[in-house]
Structure formats: C-alpha cells, structure tokens
Amino acid sequence: MTLNHVHLGTKDLSRICRFYESYFGFTKKFDHGSGVFLTDAKGLLIAIDPVAELPQLPEWYHLGFCLDSAEQVFSIYEKMKSSRENIVRDMRAEDGEFASFFVKDPDGNKLEISWHNE
C-alpha cells in the first residue's frame, strides 16, 4: 500500500505552492477547480484548495517528510532558517542515527522533516 495524497487548505495558493516547490521539489501536476495538485519525484500528491478559513488543528498534528540523508535535512533546515520560516522545534540529531526538526508551512500546517538510519 502507498499513500497517494494529502489534501490541504490554504489562504494563499501561490505562496503555499512556492513553499513546497522551493523546499521539497514538488511541481504542479495539474489544476483542479480553483486548486492544484503538486507532486514529488516519488509520486506523492498534495492537493491544495483555497479556503475562507483554516481549521484549528491539534498541537500534535503534523505531516512527516522523510528525506534520503541527514545532509538533506541539515540543508533544508539551514535554508529555512535563513529564509526565516516558522521553525517550531530546532534540529535534533544523533550522528549516524537520525536528524529531524519541525516547521510550520505558511498556513500553519506542522511538518516534521527527518532522516532515520534504517
């Protein structure tokens, strides 16, 4: 079984698309009504639709992106820090085992960016 897509609402479609394209390499696959579908190199889709109000999400709620290497996690972390993105938990790492941090996208969706040695 493979996760096919997640569906997000946004207050600013252009801004949220730039965020996922810039940091994670997503590209626009197709328009869908007033929204879009973005895809990554492995085929994961993010459906994004404009909404009038964003939902209040529980503090524990997040989406997890597992990258291919610790170096990729550190690189995105530094890029996000220098761009003043909303990092909500700083980098935690153990040499050769894992690296992770949490950030909120422009609409407040919490994301865990990580790598784990498997």
N, C-alpha and C. Protein backbone atom coordinates (compact mmCIF):
# COMPACT_ATOMS: atom_id res chain seq x y z
N MET A 1 0.84 -1.17 0.00
CA MET A 1 0.00 0.00 0.00
C MET A 1 0.89 1.24 0.00
N THR A 2 0.46 2.25 -0.71
CA THR A 2 1.21 3.50 -0.80
C THR A 2 0.28 4.67 -0.52
N LEU A 3 0.74 5.60 0.28
CA LEU A 3 -0.02 6.83 0.49
C LEU A 3 -0.02 7.60 -0.82
N ASN A 4 -1.21 7.97 -1.30
CA ASN A 4 -1.34 8.63 -2.59
C ASN A 4 -1.30 10.15 -2.48
N HIS A 5 -2.06 10.72 -1.53
CA HIS A 5 -2.10 12.18 -1.44
C HIS A 5 -2.55 12.65 -0.07
N VAL A 6 -2.27 13.90 0.20
CA VAL A 6 -2.83 14.63 1.33
C VAL A 6 -3.55 15.84 0.73
N HIS A 7 -4.52 16.35 1.46
CA HIS A 7 -5.32 17.46 0.95
C HIS A 7 -5.25 18.60 1.97
N LEU A 8 -4.76 19.74 1.53
CA LEU A 8 -4.59 20.90 2.41
C LEU A 8 -5.43 22.07 1.92
N GLY A 9 -5.85 22.89 2.85
CA GLY A 9 -6.48 24.16 2.51
C GLY A 9 -5.46 25.27 2.65
N THR A 10 -5.68 26.36 1.96
CA THR A 10 -4.75 27.48 2.02
C THR A 10 -5.47 28.82 1.92
N LYS A 11 -4.87 29.83 2.51
CA LYS A 11 -5.35 31.21 2.36
C LYS A 11 -4.66 31.89 1.18
N ASP A 12 -3.52 31.33 0.71
CA ASP A 12 -2.74 31.94 -0.37
C ASP A 12 -2.12 30.84 -1.22
N LEU A 13 -2.79 30.48 -2.30
CA LEU A 13 -2.38 29.35 -3.13
C LEU A 13 -0.97 29.52 -3.70
N SER A 14 -0.65 30.69 -4.21
CA SER A 14 0.69 30.92 -4.79
C SER A 14 1.78 30.74 -3.75
N ARG A 15 1.57 31.29 -2.57
CA ARG A 15 2.58 31.23 -1.51
C ARG A 15 2.83 29.80 -1.04
N ILE A 16 1.76 29.03 -0.83
CA ILE A 16 1.93 27.66 -0.34
C ILE A 16 2.59 26.79 -1.41
N CYS A 17 2.24 27.01 -2.68
CA CYS A 17 2.88 26.26 -3.75
C CYS A 17 4.38 26.55 -3.81
N ARG A 18 4.75 27.83 -3.69
CA ARG A 18 6.18 28.19 -3.70
C ARG A 18 6.92 27.50 -2.55
N PHE A 19 6.29 27.42 -1.38
CA PHE A 19 6.91 26.79 -0.21
C PHE A 19 7.25 25.32 -0.51
N TYR A 20 6.27 24.56 -0.98
CA TYR A 20 6.50 23.14 -1.24
C TYR A 20 7.40 22.90 -2.45
N GLU A 21 7.35 23.78 -3.43
CA GLU A 21 8.24 23.67 -4.59
C GLU A 21 9.68 24.00 -4.20
N SER A 22 9.86 25.08 -3.47
CA SER A 22 11.19 25.56 -3.12
C SER A 22 11.95 24.61 -2.20
N TYR A 23 11.29 24.13 -1.16
CA TYR A 23 11.98 23.33 -0.16
C TYR A 23 11.97 21.83 -0.44
N PHE A 24 10.94 21.33 -1.10
CA PHE A 24 10.79 19.88 -1.25
C PHE A 24 10.78 19.41 -2.70
N GLY A 25 10.91 20.31 -3.64
CA GLY A 25 10.98 19.92 -5.04
C GLY A 25 9.66 19.48 -5.66
N PHE A 26 8.54 19.81 -5.03
CA PHE A 26 7.25 19.48 -5.64
C PHE A 26 7.07 20.32 -6.89
N THR A 27 6.34 19.78 -7.86
CA THR A 27 5.99 20.51 -9.07
C THR A 27 4.48 20.41 -9.29
N LYS A 28 3.94 21.38 -10.00
CA LYS A 28 2.50 21.35 -10.27
C LYS A 28 2.19 20.25 -11.27
N LYS A 29 1.30 19.35 -10.88
CA LYS A 29 0.89 18.27 -11.78
C LYS A 29 -0.29 18.71 -12.63
N PHE A 30 -1.32 19.29 -11.99
CA PHE A 30 -2.46 19.81 -12.74
C PHE A 30 -3.32 20.70 -11.85
N ASP A 31 -4.11 21.54 -12.53
CA ASP A 31 -5.09 22.36 -11.83
C ASP A 31 -6.30 21.49 -11.52
N HIS A 32 -6.98 21.82 -10.42
CA HIS A 32 -8.17 21.08 -10.02
C HIS A 32 -9.18 22.09 -9.50
N GLY A 33 -10.11 22.51 -10.35
CA GLY A 33 -11.03 23.57 -9.96
C GLY A 33 -10.25 24.83 -9.66
N SER A 34 -10.45 25.39 -8.46
CA SER A 34 -9.70 26.58 -8.06
C SER A 34 -8.39 26.23 -7.37
N GLY A 35 -8.11 24.93 -7.21
CA GLY A 35 -6.90 24.48 -6.54
C GLY A 35 -5.93 23.80 -7.50
N VAL A 36 -4.93 23.15 -6.91
CA VAL A 36 -3.90 22.46 -7.69
C VAL A 36 -3.53 21.15 -7.01
N PHE A 37 -2.89 20.29 -7.80
CA PHE A 37 -2.22 19.12 -7.28
C PHE A 37 -0.73 19.31 -7.53
N LEU A 38 0.07 19.16 -6.49
CA LEU A 38 1.53 19.15 -6.62
C LEU A 38 1.99 17.71 -6.48
N THR A 39 3.13 17.37 -7.08
CA THR A 39 3.67 16.03 -6.96
C THR A 39 5.17 16.09 -6.71
N ASP A 40 5.68 15.06 -6.03
CA ASP A 40 7.13 14.97 -5.85
C ASP A 40 7.68 13.89 -6.78
N ALA A 41 8.99 13.66 -6.72
CA ALA A 41 9.66 12.72 -7.62
C ALA A 41 9.18 11.28 -7.41
N LYS A 42 8.65 10.98 -6.22
CA LYS A 42 8.21 9.61 -5.93
C LYS A 42 6.71 9.43 -6.13
N GLY A 43 6.03 10.48 -6.59
CA GLY A 43 4.61 10.37 -6.92
C GLY A 43 3.63 10.77 -5.83
N LEU A 44 4.13 11.23 -4.67
CA LEU A 44 3.21 11.71 -3.64
C LEU A 44 2.54 12.98 -4.12
N LEU A 45 1.24 13.07 -3.94
CA LEU A 45 0.48 14.24 -4.35
C LEU A 45 0.05 15.05 -3.14
N ILE A 46 0.09 16.37 -3.30
CA ILE A 46 -0.52 17.27 -2.33
C ILE A 46 -1.60 18.04 -3.08
N ALA A 47 -2.86 17.82 -2.69
CA ALA A 47 -3.97 18.59 -3.24
C ALA A 47 -4.11 19.83 -2.37
N ILE A 48 -4.21 20.99 -3.00
CA ILE A 48 -4.31 22.24 -2.26
C ILE A 48 -5.46 23.06 -2.82
N ASP A 49 -6.36 23.46 -1.93
CA ASP A 49 -7.51 24.26 -2.33
C ASP A 49 -7.59 25.53 -1.49
N PRO A 50 -7.95 26.66 -2.12
CA PRO A 50 -8.19 27.88 -1.35
C PRO A 50 -9.40 27.69 -0.44
N VAL A 51 -9.30 28.21 0.78
CA VAL A 51 -10.40 28.14 1.74
C VAL A 51 -10.56 29.50 2.41
N ALA A 52 -11.77 29.78 2.86
CA ALA A 52 -12.04 31.04 3.54
C ALA A 52 -11.44 31.05 4.94
N GLU A 53 -11.51 29.92 5.62
CA GLU A 53 -10.98 29.80 6.99
C GLU A 53 -10.18 28.51 7.11
N LEU A 54 -9.05 28.60 7.78
CA LEU A 54 -8.24 27.41 8.04
C LEU A 54 -8.71 26.75 9.33
N PRO A 55 -8.70 25.42 9.39
CA PRO A 55 -9.15 24.74 10.60
C PRO A 55 -8.14 24.88 11.73
N GLN A 56 -8.63 24.83 12.95
CA GLN A 56 -7.76 24.79 14.13
C GLN A 56 -7.32 23.33 14.30
N LEU A 57 -6.03 23.08 14.22
CA LEU A 57 -5.51 21.72 14.30
C LEU A 57 -4.94 21.45 15.69
N PRO A 58 -5.03 20.19 16.16
CA PRO A 58 -4.42 19.87 17.45
C PRO A 58 -2.90 20.06 17.40
N GLU A 59 -2.30 20.37 18.52
CA GLU A 59 -0.85 20.63 18.58
C GLU A 59 -0.03 19.44 18.09
N TRP A 60 -0.50 18.23 18.32
CA TRP A 60 0.26 17.03 17.94
C TRP A 60 0.18 16.74 16.44
N TYR A 61 -0.76 17.33 15.74
CA TYR A 61 -0.99 17.04 14.32
C TYR A 61 0.20 17.52 13.49
N HIS A 62 0.70 16.64 12.61
CA HIS A 62 1.75 17.05 11.68
C HIS A 62 1.84 16.07 10.52
N LEU A 63 2.50 16.51 9.46
CA LEU A 63 2.85 15.67 8.33
C LEU A 63 4.34 15.42 8.40
N GLY A 64 4.78 14.21 8.08
CA GLY A 64 6.19 13.88 8.15
C GLY A 64 6.79 13.64 6.78
N PHE A 65 7.90 14.30 6.52
CA PHE A 65 8.66 14.08 5.29
C PHE A 65 9.99 13.45 5.67
N CYS A 66 10.24 12.24 5.20
CA CYS A 66 11.49 11.54 5.47
C CYS A 66 12.39 11.69 4.25
N LEU A 67 13.54 12.31 4.45
CA LEU A 67 14.47 12.57 3.36
C LEU A 67 15.49 11.43 3.24
N ASP A 68 16.27 11.47 2.15
CA ASP A 68 17.19 10.38 1.85
C ASP A 68 18.50 10.42 2.64
N SER A 69 18.82 11.57 3.26
CA SER A 69 20.08 11.66 4.00
C SER A 69 19.99 12.74 5.07
N ALA A 70 20.85 12.61 6.07
CA ALA A 70 20.94 13.64 7.11
C ALA A 70 21.37 14.97 6.50
N GLU A 71 22.25 14.91 5.51
CA GLU A 71 22.74 16.12 4.87
C GLU A 71 21.59 16.91 4.23
N GLN A 72 20.62 16.21 3.64
CA GLN A 72 19.46 16.89 3.06
C GLN A 72 18.65 17.59 4.14
N VAL A 73 18.49 16.94 5.29
CA VAL A 73 17.74 17.54 6.39
C VAL A 73 18.45 18.81 6.86
N PHE A 74 19.77 18.72 7.07
CA PHE A 74 20.54 19.89 7.51
C PHE A 74 20.48 21.01 6.48
N SER A 75 20.54 20.67 5.20
CA SER A 75 20.50 21.67 4.14
C SER A 75 19.16 22.41 4.12
N ILE A 76 18.06 21.68 4.20
CA ILE A 76 16.74 22.32 4.22
C ILE A 76 16.57 23.15 5.49
N TYR A 77 17.06 22.64 6.61
CA TYR A 77 16.98 23.37 7.88
C TYR A 77 17.68 24.73 7.76
N GLU A 78 18.89 24.73 7.24
CA GLU A 78 19.65 25.98 7.09
C GLU A 78 18.96 26.93 6.11
N LYS A 79 18.44 26.38 5.02
CA LYS A 79 17.74 27.21 4.03
C LYS A 79 16.49 27.84 4.65
N MET A 80 15.75 27.04 5.43
CA MET A 80 14.54 27.57 6.08
C MET A 80 14.88 28.60 7.15
N LYS A 81 15.95 28.35 7.91
CA LYS A 81 16.37 29.32 8.93
C LYS A 81 16.75 30.64 8.28
N SER A 82 17.51 30.58 7.20
CA SER A 82 17.95 31.82 6.56
C SER A 82 16.78 32.55 5.89
N SER A 83 15.73 31.82 5.54
CA SER A 83 14.53 32.44 4.96
C SER A 83 13.51 32.83 6.02
N ARG A 84 13.87 32.61 7.28
CA ARG A 84 13.01 32.96 8.42
C ARG A 84 11.66 32.26 8.41
N GLU A 85 11.69 30.98 8.01
CA GLU A 85 10.47 30.18 8.09
C GLU A 85 10.18 29.91 9.57
N ASN A 86 8.97 29.47 9.86
CA ASN A 86 8.50 29.29 11.24
C ASN A 86 8.93 27.92 11.78
N ILE A 87 10.20 27.81 12.17
CA ILE A 87 10.72 26.57 12.76
C ILE A 87 10.21 26.50 14.19
N VAL A 88 9.49 25.42 14.50
CA VAL A 88 8.85 25.29 15.81
C VAL A 88 9.57 24.31 16.73
N ARG A 89 10.48 23.52 16.19
CA ARG A 89 11.39 22.73 17.02
C ARG A 89 12.71 22.64 16.28
N ASP A 90 13.76 23.09 16.94
CA ASP A 90 15.08 23.12 16.30
C ASP A 90 15.57 21.71 15.98
N MET A 91 16.63 21.69 15.21
CA MET A 91 17.25 20.44 14.78
C MET A 91 17.65 19.59 15.97
N ARG A 92 17.31 18.33 15.88
CA ARG A 92 17.81 17.32 16.81
C ARG A 92 18.47 16.25 15.96
N ALA A 93 19.65 15.84 16.37
CA ALA A 93 20.37 14.85 15.57
C ALA A 93 21.26 14.01 16.46
N GLU A 94 21.42 12.78 16.05
CA GLU A 94 22.39 11.89 16.66
C GLU A 94 23.20 11.32 15.52
N ASP A 95 24.50 11.53 15.55
CA ASP A 95 25.38 11.18 14.45
C ASP A 95 25.13 9.76 13.94
N GLY A 96 24.79 9.67 12.68
CA GLY A 96 24.60 8.38 12.04
C GLY A 96 23.28 7.69 12.33
N GLU A 97 22.43 8.29 13.16
CA GLU A 97 21.17 7.64 13.53
C GLU A 97 19.94 8.38 13.03
N PHE A 98 19.84 9.67 13.30
CA PHE A 98 18.67 10.43 12.87
C PHE A 98 18.97 11.92 12.88
N ALA A 99 18.14 12.65 12.17
CA ALA A 99 18.15 14.11 12.19
C ALA A 99 16.71 14.55 11.92
N SER A 100 16.21 15.51 12.70
CA SER A 100 14.85 15.98 12.46
C SER A 100 14.62 17.36 13.05
N PHE A 101 13.67 18.06 12.47
CA PHE A 101 13.19 19.33 13.01
C PHE A 101 11.74 19.50 12.57
N PHE A 102 11.06 20.45 13.20
CA PHE A 102 9.67 20.75 12.87
C PHE A 102 9.57 22.19 12.40
N VAL A 103 8.74 22.41 11.38
CA VAL A 103 8.50 23.74 10.83
C VAL A 103 7.01 23.83 10.48
N LYS A 104 6.48 25.04 10.48
CA LYS A 104 5.11 25.23 10.01
C LYS A 104 5.16 25.86 8.63
N ASP A 105 4.32 25.34 7.74
CA ASP A 105 4.23 25.94 6.41
C ASP A 105 3.48 27.27 6.52
N PRO A 106 3.37 28.03 5.44
CA PRO A 106 2.74 29.35 5.54
C PRO A 106 1.30 29.36 6.06
N ASP A 107 0.61 28.22 6.00
CA ASP A 107 -0.75 28.15 6.51
C ASP A 107 -0.83 27.51 7.89
N GLY A 108 0.32 27.24 8.51
CA GLY A 108 0.33 26.72 9.86
C GLY A 108 0.30 25.22 9.99
N ASN A 109 0.39 24.48 8.88
CA ASN A 109 0.49 23.03 8.96
C ASN A 109 1.87 22.66 9.48
N LYS A 110 1.92 21.87 10.55
CA LYS A 110 3.21 21.49 11.12
C LYS A 110 3.79 20.32 10.33
N LEU A 111 5.07 20.44 9.99
CA LEU A 111 5.78 19.42 9.21
C LEU A 111 6.99 18.95 9.99
N GLU A 112 7.19 17.64 10.02
CA GLU A 112 8.43 17.08 10.56
C GLU A 112 9.31 16.71 9.38
N ILE A 113 10.51 17.23 9.37
CA ILE A 113 11.48 16.95 8.32
C ILE A 113 12.54 16.07 8.96
N SER A 114 12.74 14.86 8.43
CA SER A 114 13.62 13.93 9.14
C SER A 114 14.36 12.99 8.20
N TRP A 115 15.35 12.36 8.77
CA TRP A 115 16.06 11.22 8.18
C TRP A 115 16.33 10.26 9.32
N HIS A 116 16.15 8.97 9.05
CA HIS A 116 16.43 7.93 10.04
C HIS A 116 17.27 6.86 9.38
N ASN A 117 18.32 6.43 10.05
CA ASN A 117 19.16 5.36 9.56
C ASN A 117 18.41 4.04 9.73
N GLU A 118 18.11 3.42 8.62
CA GLU A 118 17.36 2.16 8.71
C GLU A 118 18.19 0.98 8.33
